[in-house]
Protein backbone atom coordinates (compact mmCIF):
# COMPACT_ATOMS: atom_id res chain seq x y z
CA MET A 1 2.74 -25.91 -30.95
CA VAL A 2 1.41 -22.82 -32.94
CA GLY A 3 0.83 -23.67 -36.53
CA LEU A 4 0.03 -21.58 -39.65
CA ASP A 5 -3.54 -20.77 -40.68
CA ALA A 6 -4.47 -23.45 -43.24
CA GLY A 7 -6.97 -21.05 -44.74
CA ALA A 8 -4.41 -18.16 -45.30
CA ALA A 9 -3.35 -17.17 -48.76
CA PRO A 10 0.19 -18.48 -49.48
CA ALA A 11 2.95 -15.87 -49.16
CA PRO A 12 4.53 -14.77 -52.42
CA SER A 13 8.08 -15.08 -50.80
CA SER A 14 10.55 -17.89 -50.92
CA CYS A 15 11.22 -17.34 -47.15
CA SER A 16 10.73 -20.44 -44.96
CA ARG A 17 7.95 -20.27 -42.26
CA GLY A 18 7.84 -21.58 -38.81
CA SER A 19 8.52 -20.15 -35.25
CA ALA A 20 9.02 -21.13 -31.71
CA ALA A 21 6.38 -19.12 -30.05
CA SER A 22 6.34 -18.52 -26.37
CA THR A 23 4.52 -16.53 -23.62
CA ALA A 24 5.75 -15.62 -20.15
CA GLY A 25 9.28 -16.69 -21.12
CA VAL A 26 8.41 -20.34 -21.91
CA SER A 27 9.65 -21.41 -25.33
CA VAL A 28 8.15 -24.05 -27.70
CA PRO A 29 10.68 -25.77 -30.05
CA CYS A 30 10.48 -24.80 -33.64
CA SER A 31 8.65 -27.29 -35.91
CA SER A 32 10.00 -26.30 -39.36
CA THR A 33 13.00 -24.67 -41.00
CA ALA A 34 14.29 -24.01 -44.47
CA LEU A 35 16.04 -27.14 -45.92
CA VAL A 36 18.86 -26.10 -48.21
CA ALA A 37 20.62 -28.61 -50.37
CA GLY A 38 23.85 -26.67 -50.75
CA GLY A 39 23.65 -23.50 -48.85
CA ARG A 40 22.75 -21.63 -45.75
CA SER A 41 19.36 -21.18 -44.23
CA LEU A 42 17.70 -19.16 -41.43
CA LYS A 43 15.75 -20.82 -38.58
CA ILE A 44 13.67 -19.29 -35.97
CA LEU A 45 14.90 -20.33 -32.57
CA GLU A 46 12.62 -18.30 -30.20
CA HIS A 47 9.57 -16.09 -30.67
CA HIS A 48 8.34 -14.52 -27.43
CA VAL A 49 4.77 -13.06 -27.81
CA HIS A 50 2.56 -11.38 -25.14
CA LYS A 51 -0.49 -13.73 -25.29
CA VAL A 52 -1.86 -16.81 -26.91
CA GLU A 53 -5.61 -16.98 -27.48
CA MET A 54 -7.93 -19.54 -29.10
CA ARG A 55 -9.62 -18.58 -32.31
CA THR A 56 -12.14 -20.33 -34.48
CA LYS A 57 -11.29 -20.78 -38.21
CA GLU A 58 -13.70 -20.62 -41.01
CA ASN A 59 -14.03 -24.43 -41.05
CA GLY A 60 -15.01 -24.35 -37.43
CA GLU A 61 -11.72 -25.75 -36.04
CA GLN A 62 -9.95 -24.22 -33.08
CA GLU A 63 -6.41 -23.01 -33.28
CA GLU A 64 -3.96 -20.95 -31.23
CA GLU A 65 -3.47 -17.28 -32.17
CA LEU A 66 -0.44 -15.29 -31.17
CA VAL A 67 -1.14 -11.84 -29.79
CA VAL A 68 1.16 -8.89 -29.32
CA SER A 69 0.52 -5.39 -27.88
CA ASN A 70 1.56 -2.36 -29.93
CA LEU A 71 2.65 -0.82 -26.73
CA ARG A 72 5.16 -3.41 -25.71
CA PRO A 73 8.17 -4.95 -27.42
CA PHE A 74 8.52 -8.68 -28.16
CA THR A 75 11.64 -10.70 -29.02
CA LEU A 76 12.57 -12.91 -32.00
CA LYS A 77 15.67 -14.93 -32.28
CA VAL A 78 16.91 -16.54 -35.40
CA GLY A 79 19.89 -18.79 -36.24
CA VAL A 80 22.09 -19.23 -39.36
CA HIS A 81 22.34 -23.01 -40.23
CA ASP A 82 24.23 -24.86 -42.93
CA ALA A 83 22.88 -27.50 -45.36
CA SER A 84 23.03 -30.08 -42.57
CA GLU A 85 20.88 -27.95 -40.21
CA GLU A 86 23.84 -27.35 -37.94
CA PRO A 87 24.47 -23.97 -36.48
CA MET A 88 27.08 -21.92 -38.14
CA LEU A 89 28.90 -20.58 -35.10
CA ASP A 90 31.53 -18.79 -37.11
CA CYS A 91 29.07 -16.84 -39.15
CA SER A 92 28.67 -13.05 -39.01
CA LEU A 93 25.69 -11.95 -41.16
CA PRO A 94 23.92 -8.58 -40.99
CA LEU A 95 20.05 -9.16 -40.94
CA ARG A 96 17.02 -7.00 -41.17
CA ALA A 97 13.45 -7.48 -39.79
CA SER A 98 10.48 -6.13 -41.83
CA LEU A 99 6.66 -6.27 -41.41
CA LEU A 100 4.40 -8.29 -43.68
CA TYR A 101 0.67 -9.12 -43.71
CA GLU A 102 -0.36 -12.72 -42.98
CA ASN A 103 -0.49 -13.42 -46.78
CA GLY A 104 3.03 -12.36 -47.25
CA MET A 105 2.45 -8.92 -48.80
CA PRO A 106 4.34 -6.06 -47.39
CA VAL A 107 2.60 -3.54 -45.13
CA LYS A 108 2.49 -0.06 -46.58
CA GLN A 109 3.08 2.96 -44.47
CA THR A 110 -0.04 5.12 -43.78
CA SER A 111 -0.23 8.80 -43.01
CA SER A 112 1.14 8.09 -39.53
CA SER A 113 4.68 9.35 -39.10
CA GLU A 114 5.63 6.43 -36.84
CA PRO A 115 7.29 3.48 -38.56
CA LEU A 116 5.28 0.35 -38.84
CA LEU A 117 8.01 -1.72 -37.11
CA VAL A 118 10.25 -0.09 -34.45
CA GLY A 119 13.03 -1.35 -32.22
CA GLU A 120 16.16 -3.31 -33.17
CA THR A 121 15.23 -4.04 -36.79
CA ASP A 122 18.85 -4.27 -38.04
CA VAL A 123 20.91 -6.88 -36.14
CA VAL A 124 24.17 -8.65 -36.94
CA ALA A 125 24.04 -12.44 -36.42
CA LEU A 126 27.15 -13.14 -34.37
CA GLN A 127 28.20 -16.71 -33.83
CA GLY A 128 25.36 -17.85 -35.90
CA ALA A 129 22.39 -16.17 -33.95
CA ALA A 130 20.68 -12.86 -33.84
CA THR A 131 17.99 -11.49 -31.39
CA PHE A 132 15.55 -8.90 -32.51
CA LYS A 133 13.52 -6.69 -29.95
CA LEU A 134 10.66 -5.33 -31.99
CA ARG A 135 7.32 -3.49 -31.53
CA ILE A 136 4.54 -3.44 -34.15
CA THR A 137 2.97 0.00 -34.11
CA SER A 138 0.02 -0.79 -36.37
CA LEU A 139 -3.24 -2.49 -35.13
CA SER A 140 -5.04 -5.31 -36.78
CA SER A 141 -8.23 -3.50 -36.40
CA HIS A 142 -6.92 -0.63 -38.45
CA ARG A 143 -5.84 -3.02 -41.20
CA ASP A 144 -9.05 -4.91 -41.94
CA LYS A 145 -8.41 -7.15 -39.07
CA GLN A 146 -5.40 -8.67 -40.84
CA ARG A 147 -2.68 -10.26 -38.87
CA PHE A 148 1.04 -9.61 -39.30
CA ARG A 149 4.28 -11.55 -39.68
CA ILE A 150 7.90 -10.62 -39.25
CA GLN A 151 10.26 -11.40 -42.01
CA VAL A 152 14.03 -11.64 -41.40
CA ALA A 153 16.34 -11.60 -44.30
CA PRO A 154 19.94 -10.31 -45.09
CA GLN A 155 20.41 -6.57 -45.29
CA ASP A 156 22.32 -7.04 -48.44
CA VAL A 157 19.73 -7.29 -51.16
CA GLU A 158 22.12 -9.06 -53.59
CA LEU A 159 22.95 -11.66 -51.01
CA HIS A 160 19.19 -12.26 -50.42
CA LEU A 161 18.77 -12.86 -54.14
CA ASN A 162 21.63 -15.21 -54.46
CA GLU A 163 20.71 -17.09 -51.34
CA PRO A 164 16.84 -16.94 -51.11
CA ASN A 165 16.85 -19.43 -48.27
CA LEU A 166 18.51 -16.98 -46.02
CA CYS A 167 15.06 -15.63 -45.24
CA VAL A 168 12.41 -16.69 -42.74
CA VAL A 169 8.95 -15.49 -41.61
CA THR A 170 7.09 -15.92 -38.29
CA ASP A 171 3.60 -17.27 -37.69
CA PRO A 172 0.92 -14.67 -37.94
CA MET A 173 0.28 -12.36 -35.00
CA LYS A 174 -2.60 -10.16 -34.05
CA SER A 175 -1.75 -6.68 -32.99
CA VAL A 176 -3.97 -5.10 -30.26
CA THR A 177 -3.61 -2.34 -27.73
CA LYS A 178 -4.90 -3.85 -24.62
CA LEU A 179 -4.09 -7.55 -23.91
CA GLY A 180 -6.93 -7.98 -21.37
CA ARG A 181 -7.17 -10.69 -18.67
CA ALA A 182 -7.87 -14.36 -18.97
CA ALA A 183 -11.58 -15.25 -18.74
CA GLY A 184 -12.61 -15.85 -15.14
CA GLY A 185 -9.22 -14.64 -13.81
CA PRO A 186 -9.43 -13.14 -10.33
CA LEU A 187 -8.77 -9.47 -9.88
CA PRO A 188 -5.41 -8.71 -8.15
CA GLN A 189 -5.84 -7.87 -4.46
CA PRO A 190 -3.97 -4.91 -3.08
CA THR A 191 -1.38 -5.68 -0.56
CA ILE A 192 -1.96 -3.87 2.76
CA PRO A 193 0.93 -3.92 5.21
CA PRO A 194 0.18 -5.06 8.76
CA PRO A 195 -0.34 -2.32 11.33
CA SER A 196 3.06 -2.84 12.89
CA ASP A 197 4.70 -2.11 9.55
CA ILE A 198 2.82 1.20 9.07
CA PRO A 199 5.38 4.06 9.59
CA GLN A 200 4.60 6.48 12.46
CA ALA A 201 3.81 10.02 11.74
CA PRO A 202 6.86 12.40 12.22
CA THR A 203 4.88 14.38 14.70
CA ASP A 204 5.02 11.67 17.27
CA GLY A 205 8.72 12.47 17.96
CA LEU A 206 8.00 16.13 18.49
CA LYS A 207 5.19 15.32 20.93
CA ARG A 208 7.40 12.99 22.87
CA LYS A 209 10.08 15.65 22.96
CA HIS A 210 7.70 18.34 24.24
CA ARG A 211 6.33 15.99 26.82
CA GLU A 212 9.75 15.24 28.24
CA THR A 213 10.52 19.01 28.42
CA LEU A 214 7.29 19.81 30.29
CA GLU A 215 8.04 16.97 32.77
CA GLU A 216 11.53 18.33 33.36
CA HIS A 217 10.09 21.86 34.02
CA ALA A 218 7.49 20.43 36.40
CA ALA A 219 10.32 18.65 38.37
CA GLN A 220 12.20 21.91 38.61
CA LEU A 221 9.24 23.83 39.88
CA GLN A 222 8.47 21.15 42.46
CA SER A 223 12.10 21.33 43.64
CA LEU A 224 11.99 25.13 43.98
CA SER A 225 8.59 24.87 45.92
CA ASP A 226 10.15 22.40 48.36
CA THR A 227 13.12 24.69 48.88
CA GLN A 228 10.83 27.70 49.50
CA ASP A 229 8.81 25.80 52.07
CA HIS A 230 11.93 24.82 53.97
CA ILE A 231 13.17 28.33 54.06
CA MET A 232 9.77 29.68 55.11
CA GLN A 233 9.92 27.26 58.12
CA GLU A 234 13.35 28.53 59.06
CA LEU A 235 12.11 32.15 58.81
CA GLN A 236 9.11 31.44 60.98
CA GLY A 237 11.53 29.97 63.66
CA LEU A 238 13.63 33.10 63.57
CA ILE A 239 10.51 35.39 63.81
CA ALA A 240 9.47 33.38 66.87
CA LEU A 241 12.90 33.64 68.47
CA ALA A 242 12.87 37.43 67.87
CA HIS A 243 9.43 37.70 69.55
CA GLN A 244 10.69 35.85 72.52
CA ARG A 245 13.56 38.26 72.92
CA MET A 246 11.33 41.28 72.57
CA ALA A 247 9.02 39.86 75.28
CA ALA A 248 12.16 39.42 77.55
CA GLY A 249 12.93 43.17 77.34
CA ASP A 250 15.57 43.27 74.60
CA ASN A 251 13.63 45.56 72.30
CA GLY A 252 16.68 46.54 70.18
CA SER A 253 17.81 43.04 69.66
CA GLY A 254 14.29 41.98 68.97
CA ALA A 255 13.51 44.64 66.33
CA ALA A 256 16.86 43.78 64.66
CA GLY A 257 16.00 40.08 64.58
CA VAL A 258 12.67 40.81 62.96
CA GLY A 259 14.30 43.11 60.48
CA ASP A 260 16.85 40.51 59.57
CA ALA A 261 14.20 37.80 59.15
CA THR A 262 12.09 40.07 57.03
CA SER A 263 15.09 40.95 54.80
CA GLY A 264 15.97 37.31 54.51
CA LEU A 265 12.51 36.41 53.48
CA ARG A 266 12.45 39.14 50.72
CA SER A 267 15.81 37.86 49.53
CA THR A 268 14.62 34.25 49.30
CA ARG A 269 11.48 35.26 47.49
CA ALA A 270 13.48 37.32 45.00
CA ALA A 271 15.83 34.41 44.39
CA ASN A 272 12.91 31.99 43.74
CA GLU A 273 11.25 34.44 41.37
CA TYR A 274 14.55 34.77 39.38
CA LYS A 275 14.81 30.93 39.17
CA LEU A 276 11.29 30.55 37.90
CA ASN A 277 11.61 33.23 35.32
CA GLY A 278 14.91 31.70 34.21
CA SER A 279 13.50 28.27 33.73
């Protein structure tokens, strides 16, 4: 449970105090609310902060301190209740969130052009509940290390004056830029995918395609070489036959046979050269 600082100056506002503070989405039930004898009241249902630290008070006691970053939004949910503390589900009430110091005094705008409180500052409570998504732009270190509260009240000033219990403030929060890590917390380790999950470079596909093309050309060249060797063997047989005829005295026929064989050899070489050049 996150309580109020006992040493803090009382807020000069009639708003009720108390919150359900949480970190990492875990809520803590609210401990207090405004008790109204014959009217409506506001109650903090959820208060999600970024971090909870331990701080030492002036009397030496330890207490939890709510911490928010001025770079990230936080959420605050309030509910409208009747005098019996029952939710008023049929209620529709325009509400407004504003920034206060821990002592309840309003925070004044500095030279900075950015508003002190940004986000969904004006929300209508439908069915008795309203959720604010807020971000405090000012830093506690720039405000004499003072902490901040969020006040939620009706947008209608006259209604606020007539029903002062329709107002609630949160527990104090320290506003920082960097939240930091918990003491002794391990550093996050980078996740490295296993070697089988590492994608292959796109050049592998090109290399494989070129290798297949070269293998296909080599097979074609080997086939042409085999064909040429077979033709050469046949030509050698024809030349031998022509020489035999010449030796038998058929000079005309032998010369013609040699001429035909030589012409056939030239034609075969030309055909092979054409195939090689074409591939």
